[in-house]
């Protein structure tokens, strides 16, 4: 069962519910405030966030590896590759080549 609190955009969901409700969950993840905590046997295993909201978090200046993922994700989403600062891209590419 999905635990939805009206006060919080974070929802706790088990792996079975994820499989059963995947299309609806993916639609909800388009909302930039929604997060899912995926649990397995009641223990948190992952946090699910939509692709565009994740990209926005990455563009706010996270680690070089996140910048690289953000660049890849931006390309997949057909986004503007010029929206990421050149310094972030250079750091991400330097990190990848080491």
PDB file of N, CA and C in Angstrom:
ATOM      1  N   UNK A   1       0.842  -1.182   0.000  1.00  0.00           N
ATOM      2  CA  UNK A   1       0.000   0.000   0.000  1.00  0.00           C
ATOM      3  C   UNK A   1       0.885   1.243   0.000  1.00  0.00           C
ATOM      4  N   UNK A   2       0.534   2.211  -0.814  1.00  0.00           N
ATOM      5  CA  UNK A   2       1.280   3.466  -0.880  1.00  0.00           C
ATOM      6  C   UNK A   2       0.870   4.323   0.303  1.00  0.00           C
ATOM      7  N   UNK A   3       1.861   4.811   1.047  1.00  0.00           N
ATOM      8  CA  UNK A   3       1.618   5.678   2.196  1.00  0.00           C
ATOM      9  C   UNK A   3       1.693   7.114   1.719  1.00  0.00           C
ATOM     10  N   UNK A   4       0.529   7.778   1.605  1.00  0.00           N
ATOM     11  CA  UNK A   4       0.480   9.173   1.159  1.00  0.00           C
ATOM     12  C   UNK A   4       0.019  10.042   2.311  1.00  0.00           C
ATOM     13  N   UNK A   5       0.866  10.922   2.726  1.00  0.00           N
ATOM     14  CA  UNK A   5       0.499  11.891   3.741  1.00  0.00           C
ATOM     15  C   UNK A   5       0.122  13.179   3.029  1.00  0.00           C
ATOM     16  N   UNK A   6      -1.003  13.791   3.392  1.00  0.00           N
ATOM     17  CA  UNK A   6      -1.385  15.028   2.711  1.00  0.00           C
ATOM     18  C   UNK A   6      -0.400  16.173   2.953  1.00  0.00           C
ATOM     19  N   UNK A   7       0.410  16.068   4.016  1.00  0.00           N
ATOM     20  CA  UNK A   7       1.355  17.132   4.347  1.00  0.00           C
ATOM     21  C   UNK A   7       2.705  16.974   3.663  1.00  0.00           C
ATOM     22  N   UNK A   8       2.961  15.813   3.077  1.00  0.00           N
ATOM     23  CA  UNK A   8       4.283  15.540   2.532  1.00  0.00           C
ATOM     24  C   UNK A   8       4.193  15.015   1.109  1.00  0.00           C
ATOM     25  N   UNK A   9       5.101  15.470   0.224  1.00  0.00           N
ATOM     26  CA  UNK A   9       5.130  14.934  -1.139  1.00  0.00           C
ATOM     27  C   UNK A   9       5.871  13.598  -1.213  1.00  0.00           C
ATOM     28  N   UNK A  10       6.392  13.127  -0.077  1.00  0.00           N
ATOM     29  CA  UNK A  10       7.125  11.861  -0.056  1.00  0.00           C
ATOM     30  C   UNK A  10       6.148  10.723   0.206  1.00  0.00           C
ATOM     31  N   UNK A  11       6.224   9.719  -0.630  1.00  0.00           N
ATOM     32  CA  UNK A  11       5.363   8.554  -0.494  1.00  0.00           C
ATOM     33  C   UNK A  11       6.226   7.322  -0.288  1.00  0.00           C
ATOM     34  N   UNK A  12       5.802   6.467   0.598  1.00  0.00           N
ATOM     35  CA  UNK A  12       6.541   5.228   0.856  1.00  0.00           C
ATOM     36  C   UNK A  12       5.795   4.111   0.144  1.00  0.00           C
ATOM     37  N   UNK A  13       6.540   3.335  -0.635  1.00  0.00           N
ATOM     38  CA  UNK A  13       5.919   2.294  -1.438  1.00  0.00           C
ATOM     39  C   UNK A  13       6.781   1.043  -1.418  1.00  0.00           C
ATOM     40  N   UNK A  14       6.140  -0.108  -1.357  1.00  0.00           N
ATOM     41  CA  UNK A  14       6.851  -1.381  -1.414  1.00  0.00           C
ATOM     42  C   UNK A  14       7.081  -1.798  -2.851  1.00  0.00           C
ATOM     43  N   UNK A  15       7.973  -2.744  -3.034  1.00  0.00           N
ATOM     44  CA  UNK A  15       8.320  -3.171  -4.391  1.00  0.00           C
ATOM     45  C   UNK A  15       7.124  -3.777  -5.120  1.00  0.00           C
ATOM     46  N   UNK A  16       6.280  -4.484  -4.427  1.00  0.00           N
ATOM     47  CA  UNK A  16       5.098  -5.086  -5.067  1.00  0.00           C
ATOM     48  C   UNK A  16       4.162  -3.989  -5.598  1.00  0.00           C
ATOM     49  N   UNK A  17       3.920  -2.982  -4.764  1.00  0.00           N
ATOM     50  CA  UNK A  17       3.057  -1.881  -5.188  1.00  0.00           C
ATOM     51  C   UNK A  17       3.675  -1.116  -6.355  1.00  0.00           C
ATOM     52  N   UNK A  18       4.988  -0.982  -6.349  1.00  0.00           N
ATOM     53  CA  UNK A  18       5.657  -0.312  -7.453  1.00  0.00           C
ATOM     54  C   UNK A  18       5.349  -1.030  -8.764  1.00  0.00           C
ATOM     55  N   UNK A  19       5.463  -2.341  -8.764  1.00  0.00           N
ATOM     56  CA  UNK A  19       5.200  -3.114  -9.980  1.00  0.00           C
ATOM     57  C   UNK A  19       3.741  -2.998 -10.400  1.00  0.00           C
ATOM     58  N   UNK A  20       2.838  -3.028  -9.426  1.00  0.00           N
ATOM     59  CA  UNK A  20       1.407  -2.991  -9.743  1.00  0.00           C
ATOM     60  C   UNK A  20       0.944  -1.625 -10.224  1.00  0.00           C
ATOM     61  N   UNK A  21       1.566  -0.562  -9.748  1.00  0.00           N
ATOM     62  CA  UNK A  21       1.090   0.793 -10.018  1.00  0.00           C
ATOM     63  C   UNK A  21       2.081   1.635 -10.803  1.00  0.00           C
ATOM     64  N   UNK A  22       2.984   1.014 -11.526  1.00  0.00           N
ATOM     65  CA  UNK A  22       4.064   1.752 -12.177  1.00  0.00           C
ATOM     66  C   UNK A  22       3.586   2.891 -13.089  1.00  0.00           C
ATOM     67  N   UNK A  23       2.613   2.693 -13.971  1.00  0.00           N
ATOM     68  CA  UNK A  23       2.206   3.818 -14.837  1.00  0.00           C
ATOM     69  C   UNK A  23       1.740   5.040 -14.043  1.00  0.00           C
ATOM     70  N   UNK A  24       0.951   4.833 -13.010  1.00  0.00           N
ATOM     71  CA  UNK A  24       0.476   5.954 -12.195  1.00  0.00           C
ATOM     72  C   UNK A  24       1.601   6.629 -11.433  1.00  0.00           C
ATOM     73  N   UNK A  25       2.532   5.826 -10.934  1.00  0.00           N
ATOM     74  CA  UNK A  25       3.670   6.375 -10.196  1.00  0.00           C
ATOM     75  C   UNK A  25       4.536   7.217 -11.124  1.00  0.00           C
ATOM     76  N   UNK A  26       4.760   6.740 -12.325  1.00  0.00           N
ATOM     77  CA  UNK A  26       5.558   7.508 -13.285  1.00  0.00           C
ATOM     78  C   UNK A  26       4.887   8.829 -13.620  1.00  0.00           C
ATOM     79  N   UNK A  27       3.560   8.833 -13.719  1.00  0.00           N
ATOM     80  CA  UNK A  27       2.844  10.095 -13.966  1.00  0.00           C
ATOM     81  C   UNK A  27       3.025  11.043 -12.783  1.00  0.00           C
ATOM     82  N   UNK A  28       2.914  10.510 -11.567  1.00  0.00           N
ATOM     83  CA  UNK A  28       3.076  11.355 -10.380  1.00  0.00           C
ATOM     84  C   UNK A  28       4.478  11.942 -10.284  1.00  0.00           C
ATOM     85  N   UNK A  29       5.484  11.191 -10.735  1.00  0.00           N
ATOM     86  CA  UNK A  29       6.862  11.659 -10.642  1.00  0.00           C
ATOM     87  C   UNK A  29       7.152  12.831 -11.572  1.00  0.00           C
ATOM     88  N   UNK A  30       6.232  13.144 -12.465  1.00  0.00           N
ATOM     89  CA  UNK A  30       6.393  14.333 -13.297  1.00  0.00           C
ATOM     90  C   UNK A  30       6.267  15.605 -12.457  1.00  0.00           C
ATOM     91  N   UNK A  31       5.587  15.504 -11.325  1.00  0.00           N
ATOM     92  CA  UNK A  31       5.469  16.623 -10.391  1.00  0.00           C
ATOM     93  C   UNK A  31       6.797  16.744  -9.662  1.00  0.00           C
ATOM     94  N   UNK A  32       7.415  17.910  -9.731  1.00  0.00           N
ATOM     95  CA  UNK A  32       8.771  18.064  -9.194  1.00  0.00           C
ATOM     96  C   UNK A  32       8.861  17.936  -7.679  1.00  0.00           C
ATOM     97  N   UNK A  33       7.744  17.987  -6.971  1.00  0.00           N
ATOM     98  CA  UNK A  33       7.808  17.863  -5.513  1.00  0.00           C
ATOM     99  C   UNK A  33       7.596  16.433  -5.024  1.00  0.00           C
ATOM    100  N   UNK A  34       7.180  15.535  -5.901  1.00  0.00           N
ATOM    101  CA  UNK A  34       6.868  14.164  -5.488  1.00  0.00           C
ATOM    102  C   UNK A  34       8.129  13.311  -5.430  1.00  0.00           C
ATOM    103  N   UNK A  35       8.245  12.559  -4.347  1.00  0.00           N
ATOM    104  CA  UNK A  35       9.326  11.585  -4.180  1.00  0.00           C
ATOM    105  C   UNK A  35       8.706  10.299  -3.670  1.00  0.00           C
ATOM    106  N   UNK A  36       9.243   9.184  -4.092  1.00  0.00           N
ATOM    107  CA  UNK A  36       8.847   7.895  -3.555  1.00  0.00           C
ATOM    108  C   UNK A  36      10.045   7.286  -2.858  1.00  0.00           C
ATOM    109  N   UNK A  37       9.811   6.706  -1.701  1.00  0.00           N
ATOM    110  CA  UNK A  37      10.830   5.908  -1.022  1.00  0.00           C
ATOM    111  C   UNK A  37      10.421   4.463  -1.268  1.00  0.00           C
ATOM    112  N   UNK A  38      11.238   3.750  -1.997  1.00  0.00           N
ATOM    113  CA  UNK A  38      10.974   2.353  -2.315  1.00  0.00           C
ATOM    114  C   UNK A  38      11.524   1.484  -1.196  1.00  0.00           C
ATOM    115  N   UNK A  39      10.669   0.621  -0.654  1.00  0.00           N
ATOM    116  CA  UNK A  39      11.106  -0.262   0.420  1.00  0.00           C
ATOM    117  C   UNK A  39      11.061  -1.707  -0.050  1.00  0.00           C
ATOM    118  N   UNK A  40      11.937  -2.505   0.515  1.00  0.00           N
ATOM    119  CA  UNK A  40      11.941  -3.949   0.311  1.00  0.00           C
ATOM    120  C   UNK A  40      11.935  -4.557   1.705  1.00  0.00           C
ATOM    121  N   UNK A  41      10.920  -5.343   1.984  1.00  0.00           N
ATOM    122  CA  UNK A  41      10.734  -5.921   3.318  1.00  0.00           C
ATOM    123  C   UNK A  41      10.717  -4.836   4.396  1.00  0.00           C
ATOM    124  N   UNK A  42      10.111  -3.693   4.062  1.00  0.00           N
ATOM    125  CA  UNK A  42       9.958  -2.611   5.020  1.00  0.00           C
ATOM    126  C   UNK A  42      11.177  -1.734   5.229  1.00  0.00           C
ATOM    127  N   UNK A  43      12.278  -2.025   4.521  1.00  0.00           N
ATOM    128  CA  UNK A  43      13.494  -1.221   4.667  1.00  0.00           C
ATOM    129  C   UNK A  43      13.707  -0.363   3.424  1.00  0.00           C
ATOM    130  N   UNK A  44      14.023   0.913   3.604  1.00  0.00           N
ATOM    131  CA  UNK A  44      14.251   1.793   2.444  1.00  0.00           C
ATOM    132  C   UNK A  44      15.409   1.299   1.583  1.00  0.00           C
ATOM    133  N   UNK A  45      15.178   1.273   0.278  1.00  0.00           N
ATOM    134  CA  UNK A  45      16.217   0.827  -0.659  1.00  0.00           C
ATOM    135  C   UNK A  45      16.567   1.874  -1.702  1.00  0.00           C
ATOM    136  N   UNK A  46      15.609   2.747  -2.020  1.00  0.00           N
ATOM    137  CA  UNK A  46      15.862   3.741  -3.071  1.00  0.00           C
ATOM    138  C   UNK A  46      14.879   4.885  -2.936  1.00  0.00           C
ATOM    139  N   UNK A  47      15.264   6.007  -3.531  1.00  0.00           N
ATOM    140  CA  UNK A  47      14.368   7.155  -3.628  1.00  0.00           C
ATOM    141  C   UNK A  47      14.113   7.376  -5.109  1.00  0.00           C
ATOM    142  N   UNK A  48      12.848   7.459  -5.467  1.00  0.00           N
ATOM    143  CA  UNK A  48      12.471   7.688  -6.850  1.00  0.00           C
ATOM    144  C   UNK A  48      12.084   9.148  -7.020  1.00  0.00           C
ATOM    145  N   UNK A  49      12.635   9.759  -8.043  1.00  0.00           N
ATOM    146  CA  UNK A  49      12.349  11.150  -8.369  1.00  0.00           C
ATOM    147  C   UNK A  49      12.218  11.216  -9.886  1.00  0.00           C
ATOM    148  N   UNK A  50      11.376  12.090 -10.379  1.00  0.00           N
ATOM    149  CA  UNK A  50      11.186  12.224 -11.820  1.00  0.00           C
ATOM    150  C   UNK A  50      12.449  12.675 -12.527  1.00  0.00           C
ATOM    151  N   UNK A  51      12.518  12.410 -13.811  1.00  0.00           N
ATOM    152  CA  UNK A  51      13.712  12.740 -14.592  1.00  0.00           C
ATOM    153  C   UNK A  51      13.959  14.250 -14.649  1.00  0.00           C
ATOM    154  N   UNK A  52      12.931  15.027 -14.947  1.00  0.00           N
ATOM    155  CA  UNK A  52      13.133  16.475 -15.034  1.00  0.00           C
ATOM    156  C   UNK A  52      13.434  17.089 -13.668  1.00  0.00           C
ATOM    157  N   UNK A  53      12.713  16.704 -12.606  1.00  0.00           N
ATOM    158  CA  UNK A  53      13.093  17.226 -11.290  1.00  0.00           C
ATOM    159  C   UNK A  53      14.527  16.854 -10.905  1.00  0.00           C
ATOM    160  N   UNK A  54      14.958  15.642 -11.260  1.00  0.00           N
ATOM    161  CA  UNK A  54      16.334  15.245 -10.973  1.00  0.00           C
ATOM    162  C   UNK A  54      17.305  16.137 -11.742  1.00  0.00           C
ATOM    163  N   UNK A  55      16.993  16.375 -12.989  1.00  0.00           N
ATOM    164  CA  UNK A  55      17.854  17.221 -13.804  1.00  0.00           C
ATOM    165  C   UNK A  55      17.966  18.615 -13.196  1.00  0.00           C
ATOM    166  N   UNK A  56      16.862  19.147 -12.690  1.00  0.00           N
ATOM    167  CA  UNK A  56      16.895  20.453 -12.047  1.00  0.00           C
ATOM    168  C   UNK A  56      17.776  20.435 -10.804  1.00  0.00           C
ATOM    169  N   UNK A  57      17.732  19.337 -10.038  1.00  0.00           N
ATOM    170  CA  UNK A  57      18.602  19.229  -8.860  1.00  0.00           C
ATOM    171  C   UNK A  57      20.066  19.200  -9.277  1.00  0.00           C
ATOM    172  N   UNK A  58      20.367  18.478 -10.339  1.00  0.00           N
ATOM    173  CA  UNK A  58      21.736  18.357 -10.821  1.00  0.00           C
ATOM    174  C   UNK A  58      22.255  19.702 -11.299  1.00  0.00           C
ATOM    175  N   UNK A  59      21.414  20.430 -11.981  1.00  0.00           N
ATOM    176  CA  UNK A  59      21.837  21.721 -12.522  1.00  0.00           C
ATOM    177  C   UNK A  59      22.057  22.755 -11.430  1.00  0.00           C
ATOM    178  N   UNK A  60      21.575  22.473 -10.226  1.00  0.00           N
ATOM    179  CA  UNK A  60      21.765  23.398  -9.108  1.00  0.00           C
ATOM    180  C   UNK A  60      23.156  23.269  -8.491  1.00  0.00           C
ATOM    181  N   UNK A  61      24.040  22.514  -9.123  1.00  0.00           N
ATOM    182  CA  UNK A  61      25.436  22.473  -8.679  1.00  0.00           C
ATOM    183  C   UNK A  61      25.779  21.341  -7.748  1.00  0.00           C
ATOM    184  N   UNK A  62      25.625  20.135  -8.207  1.00  0.00           N
ATOM    185  CA  UNK A  62      25.990  18.972  -7.398  1.00  0.00           C
ATOM    186  C   UNK A  62      27.356  18.458  -7.857  1.00  0.00           C
ATOM    187  N   UNK A  63      27.668  17.226  -7.538  1.00  0.00           N
ATOM    188  CA  UNK A  63      28.986  16.661  -7.826  1.00  0.00           C
ATOM    189  C   UNK A  63      29.209  16.468  -9.325  1.00  0.00           C
ATOM    190  N   UNK A  64      30.464  16.324  -9.731  1.00  0.00           N
ATOM    191  CA  UNK A  64      30.765  16.137 -11.154  1.00  0.00           C
ATOM    192  C   UNK A  64      30.067  14.926 -11.770  1.00  0.00           C
ATOM    193  N   UNK A  65      29.974  13.818 -11.030  1.00  0.00           N
ATOM    194  CA  UNK A  65      29.320  12.640 -11.604  1.00  0.00           C
ATOM    195  C   UNK A  65      27.842  12.911 -11.831  1.00  0.00           C
ATOM    196  N   UNK A  66      27.212  13.675 -10.937  1.00  0.00           N
ATOM    197  CA  UNK A  66      25.820  14.042 -11.139  1.00  0.00           C
ATOM    198  C   UNK A  66      25.681  14.985 -12.328  1.00  0.00           C
ATOM    199  N   UNK A  67      26.677  15.830 -12.538  1.00  0.00           N
ATOM    200  CA  UNK A  67      26.645  16.735 -13.691  1.00  0.00           C
ATOM    201  C   UNK A  67      26.675  15.935 -14.986  1.00  0.00           C
ATOM    202  N   UNK A  68      27.473  14.881 -15.021  1.00  0.00           N
ATOM    203  CA  UNK A  68      27.552  14.049 -16.217  1.00  0.00           C
ATOM    204  C   UNK A  68      26.230  13.329 -16.448  1.00  0.00           C
ATOM    205  N   UNK A  69      25.649  12.774 -15.388  1.00  0.00           N
ATOM    206  CA  UNK A  69      24.343  12.119 -15.508  1.00  0.00           C
ATOM    207  C   UNK A  69      23.310  13.142 -15.964  1.00  0.00           C
ATOM    208  N   UNK A  70      23.407  14.348 -15.428  1.00  0.00           N
ATOM    209  CA  UNK A  70      22.487  15.399 -15.835  1.00  0.00           C
ATOM    210  C   UNK A  70      22.604  15.735 -17.305  1.00  0.00           C
ATOM    211  N   UNK A  71      23.819  15.773 -17.803  1.00  0.00           N
ATOM    212  CA  UNK A  71      24.037  16.045 -19.224  1.00  0.00           C
ATOM    213  C   UNK A  71      23.423  14.927 -20.066  1.00  0.00           C
ATOM    214  N   UNK A  72      23.655  13.679 -19.657  1.00  0.00           N
ATOM    215  CA  UNK A  72      23.094  12.547 -20.390  1.00  0.00           C
ATOM    216  C   UNK A  72      21.570  12.575 -20.351  1.00  0.00           C
ATOM    217  N   UNK A  73      21.035  12.862 -19.176  1.00  0.00           N
ATOM    218  CA  UNK A  73      19.593  12.909 -19.018  1.00  0.00           C
ATOM    219  C   UNK A  73      18.995  14.054 -19.829  1.00  0.00           C
ATOM    220  N   UNK A  74      19.663  15.189 -19.827  1.00  0.00           N
ATOM    221  CA  UNK A  74      19.195  16.327 -20.607  1.00  0.00           C
ATOM    222  C   UNK A  74      19.129  15.970 -22.089  1.00  0.00           C
ATOM    223  N   UNK A  75      20.139  15.268 -22.569  1.00  0.00           N
ATOM    224  CA  UNK A  75      20.147  14.860 -23.970  1.00  0.00           C
ATOM    225  C   UNK A  75      18.988  13.903 -24.259  1.00  0.00           C
ATOM    226  N   UNK A  76      18.750  12.964 -23.348  1.00  0.00           N
ATOM    227  CA  UNK A  76      17.654  12.011 -23.540  1.00  0.00           C
ATOM    228  C   UNK A  76      16.296  12.694 -23.531  1.00  0.00           C
ATOM    229  N   UNK A  77      16.163  13.743 -22.714  1.00  0.00           N
ATOM    230  CA  UNK A  77      14.895  14.460 -22.623  1.00  0.00           C
ATOM    231  C   UNK A  77      14.742  15.513 -23.710  1.00  0.00           C
ATOM    232  N   UNK A  78      15.779  15.669 -24.536  1.00  0.00           N
ATOM    233  CA  UNK A  78      15.727  16.658 -25.602  1.00  0.00           C
ATOM    234  C   UNK A  78      15.884  18.075 -25.083  1.00  0.00           C
ATOM    235  N   UNK A  79      16.547  18.188 -23.937  1.00  0.00           N
ATOM    236  CA  UNK A  79      16.712  19.497 -23.304  1.00  0.00           C
ATOM    237  C   UNK A  79      17.824  20.312 -23.926  1.00  0.00           C
ATOM    238  N   UNK A  80      17.991  21.487 -23.390  1.00  0.00           N
ATOM    239  CA  UNK A  80      19.006  22.417 -23.862  1.00  0.00           C
ATOM    240  C   UNK A  80      20.337  22.081 -23.188  1.00  0.00           C
ATOM    241  N   UNK A  81      21.281  21.606 -23.936  1.00  0.00           N
ATOM    242  CA  UNK A  81      22.574  21.222 -23.375  1.00  0.00           C
ATOM    243  C   UNK A  81      23.378  22.431 -22.934  1.00  0.00           C
ATOM    244  N   UNK A  82      23.004  23.610 -23.386  1.00  0.00           N
ATOM    245  CA  UNK A  82      23.719  24.821 -22.988  1.00  0.00           C
ATOM    246  C   UNK A  82      23.292  25.323 -21.614  1.00  0.00           C
ATOM    247  N   UNK A  83      22.301  24.659 -21.009  1.00  0.00           N
ATOM    248  CA  UNK A  83      21.801  25.129 -19.717  1.00  0.00           C
ATOM    249  C   UNK A  83      22.711  24.714 -18.559  1.00  0.00           C
ATOM    250  N   UNK A  84      23.668  23.838 -18.828  1.00  0.00           N
ATOM    251  CA  UNK A  84      24.597  23.398 -17.794  1.00  0.00           C
ATOM    252  C   UNK A  84      25.891  24.203 -17.912  1.00  0.00           C
ATOM    253  N   UNK A  85      26.369  24.770 -16.806  1.00  0.00           N
ATOM    254  CA  UNK A  85      27.599  25.570 -16.865  1.00  0.00           C
ATOM    255  C   UNK A  85      28.781  24.764 -17.408  1.00  0.00           C
ATOM    256  N   UNK A  86      29.588  25.399 -18.212  1.00  0.00           N
ATOM    257  CA  UNK A  86      30.741  24.753 -18.826  1.00  0.00           C
ATOM    258  C   UNK A  86      31.696  24.185 -17.782  1.00  0.00           C
ATOM    259  N   UNK A  87      31.900  24.886 -16.672  1.00  0.00           N
ATOM    260  CA  UNK A  87      32.782  24.382 -15.606  1.00  0.00           C
ATOM    261  C   UNK A  87      32.300  23.046 -15.071  1.00  0.00           C
ATOM    262  N   UNK A  88      30.986  22.899 -14.893  1.00  0.00           N
ATOM    263  CA  UNK A  88      30.427  21.637 -14.407  1.00  0.00           C
ATOM    264  C   UNK A  88      30.670  20.523 -15.409  1.00  0.00           C
ATOM    265  N   UNK A  89      30.487  20.823 -16.688  1.00  0.00           N
ATOM    266  CA  UNK A  89      30.715  19.813 -17.719  1.00  0.00           C
ATOM    267  C   UNK A  89      32.175  19.384 -17.765  1.00  0.00           C
ATOM    268  N   UNK A  90      33.081  20.345 -17.670  1.00  0.00           N
ATOM    269  CA  UNK A  90      34.505  20.022 -17.695  1.00  0.00           C
ATOM    270  C   UNK A  90      34.884  19.144 -16.509  1.00  0.00           C
ATOM    271  N   UNK A  91      34.385  19.471 -15.301  1.00  0.00           N
ATOM    272  CA  UNK A  91      34.671  18.668 -14.116  1.00  0.00           C
ATOM    273  C   UNK A  91      34.110  17.263 -14.277  1.00  0.00           C
ATOM    274  N   UNK A  92      32.926  17.148 -14.828  1.00  0.00           N
ATOM    275  CA  UNK A  92      32.303  15.843 -15.011  1.00  0.00           C
ATOM    276  C   UNK A  92      33.102  14.990 -15.994  1.00  0.00           C
ATOM    277  N   UNK A  93      33.553  15.611 -17.072  1.00  0.00           N
ATOM    278  CA  UNK A  93      34.316  14.864 -18.075  1.00  0.00           C
ATOM    279  C   UNK A  93      35.704  14.501 -17.545  1.00  0.00           C
ATOM    280  N   UNK A  94      36.333  15.391 -16.772  1.00  0.00           N
ATOM    281  CA  UNK A  94      37.632  15.081 -16.179  1.00  0.00           C
ATOM    282  C   UNK A  94      37.509  13.890 -15.234  1.00  0.00           C
ATOM    283  N   UNK A  95      36.462  13.894 -14.423  1.00  0.00           N
ATOM    284  CA  UNK A  95      36.226  12.822 -13.451  1.00  0.00           C
ATOM    285  C   UNK A  95      36.042  11.491 -14.182  1.00  0.00           C
ATOM    286  N   UNK A  96      35.305  11.497 -15.295  1.00  0.00           N
ATOM    287  CA  UNK A  96      35.009  10.286 -16.053  1.00  0.00           C
ATOM    288  C   UNK A  96      36.273   9.720 -16.698  1.00  0.00           C
ATOM    289  N   UNK A  97      37.176  10.580 -17.122  1.00  0.00           N
ATOM    290  CA  UNK A  97      38.374  10.108 -17.829  1.00  0.00           C
ATOM    291  C   UNK A  97      39.458   9.597 -16.892  1.00  0.00           C
ATOM    292  N   UNK A  98      39.337   9.838 -15.586  1.00  0.00           N
ATOM    293  CA  UNK A  98      40.369   9.385 -14.631  1.00  0.00           C
ATOM    294  C   UNK A  98      40.245   7.931 -14.304  1.00  0.00           C
TER     295      UNK A  98
END
